[in-house]
Amino acid sequence: MSLKILDTCVNCDVCEPVCPNQAIAMGPAIYEIAPMRCTECVGHFDTPQCVEVCPVECIIVDPVHAESRQQLLDKYAVLTGHAAASADEKHG
């Protein structure tokens, strides 16, 4: 799944620089996450870095963009040019 920033965002600027996929950018009013670039940090980190640093806890899983772990690994492979391991290989 992609993550989503709620309108409770205070534009503190801490999430954008920690995103390894450059999926976060300033929108018209608050920061937004591009679903096509968000892998929830799968392939990079064990936990989503934006969620880790958000001081107001306004970043949630976006149910509109549901993806399996394998789909996130595949997206990571496309974005980075690395071969994707299967979810079983990554955590087996």
N, C-alpha and C. Protein backbone atom coordinates (compact mmCIF):
# COMPACT_ATOMS: atom_id res chain seq x y z
N MET A 1 0.83 -1.19 0.00
CA MET A 1 0.00 0.00 0.00
C MET A 1 0.87 1.24 0.00
N SER A 2 0.33 2.23 -0.51
CA SER A 2 0.97 3.53 -0.42
C SER A 2 0.54 4.16 0.90
N LEU A 3 1.32 5.10 1.35
CA LEU A 3 0.95 5.85 2.53
C LEU A 3 0.27 7.14 2.10
N LYS A 4 -0.37 7.78 3.05
CA LYS A 4 -1.14 9.00 2.78
C LYS A 4 -0.93 9.96 3.93
N ILE A 5 -0.82 11.24 3.61
CA ILE A 5 -0.67 12.27 4.64
C ILE A 5 -2.03 12.93 4.85
N LEU A 6 -2.46 12.96 6.09
CA LEU A 6 -3.75 13.55 6.43
C LEU A 6 -3.67 15.07 6.48
N ASP A 7 -4.84 15.70 6.48
CA ASP A 7 -4.86 17.16 6.51
C ASP A 7 -4.49 17.75 7.86
N THR A 8 -4.12 16.90 8.81
CA THR A 8 -3.61 17.38 10.09
C THR A 8 -2.10 17.67 10.00
N CYS A 9 -1.53 17.48 8.82
CA CYS A 9 -0.11 17.78 8.58
C CYS A 9 0.15 19.25 8.91
N VAL A 10 1.27 19.50 9.58
CA VAL A 10 1.65 20.87 9.95
C VAL A 10 2.78 21.41 9.08
N ASN A 11 3.09 20.70 8.00
CA ASN A 11 4.15 21.14 7.07
C ASN A 11 5.48 21.40 7.77
N CYS A 12 5.86 20.47 8.61
CA CYS A 12 7.10 20.64 9.38
C CYS A 12 8.35 20.33 8.57
N ASP A 13 8.18 19.75 7.39
CA ASP A 13 9.28 19.48 6.46
C ASP A 13 10.20 18.33 6.85
N VAL A 14 9.83 17.48 7.79
CA VAL A 14 10.74 16.40 8.16
C VAL A 14 10.56 15.13 7.34
N CYS A 15 9.39 14.94 6.75
CA CYS A 15 9.14 13.69 6.01
C CYS A 15 9.78 13.67 4.63
N GLU A 16 9.75 14.77 3.94
CA GLU A 16 10.23 14.79 2.56
C GLU A 16 11.68 14.32 2.42
N PRO A 17 12.62 14.84 3.22
CA PRO A 17 14.01 14.43 3.01
C PRO A 17 14.33 12.99 3.41
N VAL A 18 13.49 12.34 4.21
CA VAL A 18 13.80 10.97 4.62
C VAL A 18 13.23 9.92 3.68
N CYS A 19 12.43 10.33 2.71
CA CYS A 19 11.83 9.37 1.79
C CYS A 19 12.86 8.90 0.76
N PRO A 20 13.19 7.61 0.76
CA PRO A 20 14.21 7.11 -0.17
C PRO A 20 13.74 7.06 -1.62
N ASN A 21 12.43 7.15 -1.84
CA ASN A 21 11.88 7.07 -3.19
C ASN A 21 11.46 8.42 -3.75
N GLN A 22 11.71 9.47 -3.01
CA GLN A 22 11.30 10.82 -3.43
C GLN A 22 9.81 10.83 -3.77
N ALA A 23 9.02 10.18 -2.92
CA ALA A 23 7.58 10.09 -3.13
C ALA A 23 6.82 11.24 -2.47
N ILE A 24 7.48 12.00 -1.63
CA ILE A 24 6.81 13.06 -0.87
C ILE A 24 7.19 14.42 -1.43
N ALA A 25 6.17 15.24 -1.65
CA ALA A 25 6.39 16.59 -2.16
C ALA A 25 5.31 17.51 -1.60
N MET A 26 5.61 18.78 -1.57
CA MET A 26 4.62 19.76 -1.10
C MET A 26 3.50 19.85 -2.11
N GLY A 27 2.27 19.71 -1.63
CA GLY A 27 1.09 19.88 -2.46
C GLY A 27 0.56 21.29 -2.31
N PRO A 28 -0.66 21.55 -2.75
CA PRO A 28 -1.22 22.89 -2.66
C PRO A 28 -1.33 23.41 -1.22
N ALA A 29 -1.61 22.51 -0.26
CA ALA A 29 -1.78 22.96 1.12
C ALA A 29 -0.87 22.21 2.11
N ILE A 30 -0.68 20.92 1.87
CA ILE A 30 0.13 20.09 2.75
C ILE A 30 1.00 19.18 1.90
N TYR A 31 1.91 18.46 2.57
CA TYR A 31 2.73 17.48 1.85
C TYR A 31 1.84 16.35 1.36
N GLU A 32 2.21 15.78 0.22
CA GLU A 32 1.47 14.68 -0.37
C GLU A 32 2.43 13.57 -0.75
N ILE A 33 1.90 12.35 -0.80
CA ILE A 33 2.70 11.18 -1.17
C ILE A 33 2.19 10.65 -2.52
N ALA A 34 3.12 10.49 -3.46
CA ALA A 34 2.79 9.95 -4.78
C ALA A 34 2.70 8.44 -4.67
N PRO A 35 1.51 7.86 -4.84
CA PRO A 35 1.35 6.41 -4.69
C PRO A 35 2.24 5.59 -5.62
N MET A 36 2.53 6.09 -6.79
CA MET A 36 3.36 5.33 -7.73
C MET A 36 4.83 5.26 -7.30
N ARG A 37 5.22 6.09 -6.35
CA ARG A 37 6.61 6.09 -5.88
C ARG A 37 6.75 5.54 -4.46
N CYS A 38 5.65 5.43 -3.73
CA CYS A 38 5.72 4.99 -2.33
C CYS A 38 5.77 3.48 -2.24
N THR A 39 6.79 2.96 -1.56
CA THR A 39 6.91 1.53 -1.29
C THR A 39 6.83 1.24 0.20
N GLU A 40 6.40 2.23 0.99
CA GLU A 40 6.41 2.12 2.45
C GLU A 40 7.81 1.79 2.94
N CYS A 41 8.79 2.19 2.17
CA CYS A 41 10.22 1.97 2.44
C CYS A 41 10.64 0.50 2.32
N VAL A 42 9.74 -0.35 1.82
CA VAL A 42 10.10 -1.75 1.56
C VAL A 42 11.27 -1.75 0.58
N GLY A 43 12.28 -2.55 0.90
CA GLY A 43 13.48 -2.61 0.08
C GLY A 43 14.58 -1.69 0.60
N HIS A 44 14.19 -0.67 1.33
CA HIS A 44 15.15 0.28 1.89
C HIS A 44 15.29 0.13 3.41
N PHE A 45 14.17 0.12 4.10
CA PHE A 45 14.14 0.10 5.57
C PHE A 45 13.06 -0.85 6.05
N ASP A 46 13.12 -1.20 7.33
CA ASP A 46 12.12 -2.09 7.92
C ASP A 46 10.80 -1.38 8.20
N THR A 47 10.85 -0.07 8.38
CA THR A 47 9.65 0.71 8.67
C THR A 47 9.63 1.96 7.80
N PRO A 48 8.45 2.47 7.49
CA PRO A 48 8.37 3.71 6.70
C PRO A 48 9.02 4.87 7.46
N GLN A 49 10.00 5.48 6.84
CA GLN A 49 10.76 6.52 7.50
C GLN A 49 9.94 7.79 7.76
N CYS A 50 9.01 8.10 6.87
CA CYS A 50 8.18 9.29 7.09
C CYS A 50 7.32 9.13 8.34
N VAL A 51 6.80 7.91 8.55
CA VAL A 51 6.00 7.64 9.74
C VAL A 51 6.87 7.77 10.99
N GLU A 52 8.09 7.28 10.89
CA GLU A 52 9.01 7.34 12.04
C GLU A 52 9.30 8.77 12.49
N VAL A 53 9.42 9.69 11.54
CA VAL A 53 9.82 11.06 11.90
C VAL A 53 8.66 12.03 12.08
N CYS A 54 7.47 11.66 11.68
CA CYS A 54 6.33 12.58 11.73
C CYS A 54 5.96 12.91 13.18
N PRO A 55 6.05 14.18 13.56
CA PRO A 55 5.76 14.55 14.96
C PRO A 55 4.27 14.60 15.29
N VAL A 56 3.41 14.65 14.28
CA VAL A 56 1.97 14.75 14.54
C VAL A 56 1.22 13.47 14.15
N GLU A 57 1.96 12.43 13.76
CA GLU A 57 1.39 11.13 13.43
C GLU A 57 0.23 11.25 12.44
N CYS A 58 0.49 11.96 11.35
CA CYS A 58 -0.56 12.19 10.35
C CYS A 58 -0.36 11.38 9.08
N ILE A 59 0.52 10.38 9.10
CA ILE A 59 0.77 9.56 7.91
C ILE A 59 0.22 8.16 8.17
N ILE A 60 -0.71 7.75 7.31
CA ILE A 60 -1.40 6.47 7.49
C ILE A 60 -1.33 5.66 6.21
N VAL A 61 -1.69 4.39 6.31
CA VAL A 61 -1.82 3.53 5.13
C VAL A 61 -3.02 4.02 4.34
N ASP A 62 -2.85 4.14 3.04
CA ASP A 62 -3.92 4.61 2.16
C ASP A 62 -4.68 3.40 1.61
N PRO A 63 -5.90 3.14 2.10
CA PRO A 63 -6.64 1.95 1.66
C PRO A 63 -7.01 1.99 0.18
N VAL A 64 -6.96 3.13 -0.44
CA VAL A 64 -7.28 3.26 -1.87
C VAL A 64 -6.17 2.65 -2.73
N HIS A 65 -4.96 2.56 -2.18
CA HIS A 65 -3.82 2.04 -2.94
C HIS A 65 -3.25 0.79 -2.26
N ALA A 66 -4.06 -0.25 -2.17
CA ALA A 66 -3.65 -1.50 -1.52
C ALA A 66 -2.65 -2.26 -2.39
N GLU A 67 -1.55 -2.67 -1.77
CA GLU A 67 -0.52 -3.46 -2.45
C GLU A 67 0.05 -4.48 -1.48
N SER A 68 0.38 -5.65 -1.98
CA SER A 68 1.02 -6.68 -1.16
C SER A 68 2.49 -6.32 -0.96
N ARG A 69 3.12 -7.02 -0.05
CA ARG A 69 4.56 -6.82 0.16
C ARG A 69 5.33 -7.12 -1.13
N GLN A 70 4.91 -8.16 -1.85
CA GLN A 70 5.58 -8.50 -3.10
C GLN A 70 5.41 -7.38 -4.13
N GLN A 71 4.24 -6.80 -4.20
CA GLN A 71 4.02 -5.68 -5.12
C GLN A 71 4.91 -4.49 -4.75
N LEU A 72 5.07 -4.25 -3.45
CA LEU A 72 5.94 -3.16 -3.01
C LEU A 72 7.39 -3.46 -3.37
N LEU A 73 7.82 -4.73 -3.22
CA LEU A 73 9.17 -5.11 -3.61
C LEU A 73 9.37 -4.95 -5.12
N ASP A 74 8.36 -5.31 -5.89
CA ASP A 74 8.44 -5.15 -7.34
C ASP A 74 8.54 -3.67 -7.71
N LYS A 75 7.78 -2.82 -7.03
CA LYS A 75 7.83 -1.38 -7.30
C LYS A 75 9.21 -0.83 -6.92
N TYR A 76 9.75 -1.30 -5.79
CA TYR A 76 11.10 -0.92 -5.37
C TYR A 76 12.11 -1.27 -6.47
N ALA A 77 11.98 -2.47 -7.03
CA ALA A 77 12.90 -2.92 -8.08
C ALA A 77 12.82 -2.00 -9.30
N VAL A 78 11.63 -1.62 -9.69
CA VAL A 78 11.46 -0.73 -10.84
C VAL A 78 12.05 0.65 -10.54
N LEU A 79 11.78 1.17 -9.35
CA LEU A 79 12.24 2.53 -8.99
C LEU A 79 13.76 2.61 -8.85
N THR A 80 14.36 1.53 -8.37
CA THR A 80 15.80 1.58 -8.08
C THR A 80 16.67 0.88 -9.11
N GLY A 81 16.05 0.04 -9.94
CA GLY A 81 16.83 -0.72 -10.91
C GLY A 81 17.45 -1.96 -10.30
N HIS A 82 17.07 -2.30 -9.08
CA HIS A 82 17.56 -3.52 -8.42
C HIS A 82 16.60 -4.67 -8.69
N ALA A 83 17.13 -5.86 -8.78
CA ALA A 83 16.27 -7.03 -8.94
C ALA A 83 15.49 -7.23 -7.65
N ALA A 84 14.22 -7.50 -7.77
CA ALA A 84 13.38 -7.70 -6.59
C ALA A 84 13.49 -9.14 -6.12
N ALA A 85 13.72 -9.29 -4.82
CA ALA A 85 13.65 -10.61 -4.21
C ALA A 85 12.19 -10.87 -3.88
N SER A 86 11.84 -12.13 -3.82
CA SER A 86 10.47 -12.41 -3.41
C SER A 86 10.34 -12.09 -1.92
N ALA A 87 9.14 -11.89 -1.48
CA ALA A 87 8.90 -11.57 -0.07
C ALA A 87 9.43 -12.71 0.81
N ASP A 88 9.31 -13.97 0.33
CA ASP A 88 9.82 -15.11 1.09
C ASP A 88 11.34 -15.06 1.21
N GLU A 89 12.02 -14.69 0.13
CA GLU A 89 13.48 -14.61 0.16
C GLU A 89 13.93 -13.48 1.08
N LYS A 90 13.22 -12.38 1.06
CA LYS A 90 13.60 -11.20 1.84
C LYS A 90 13.45 -11.47 3.33
N HIS A 91 12.41 -12.25 3.70
CA HIS A 91 12.15 -12.49 5.12
C HIS A 91 12.10 -13.97 5.45
N GLY A 92 12.78 -14.80 4.69
CA GLY A 92 12.71 -16.24 4.88
C GLY A 92 13.73 -16.74 5.74
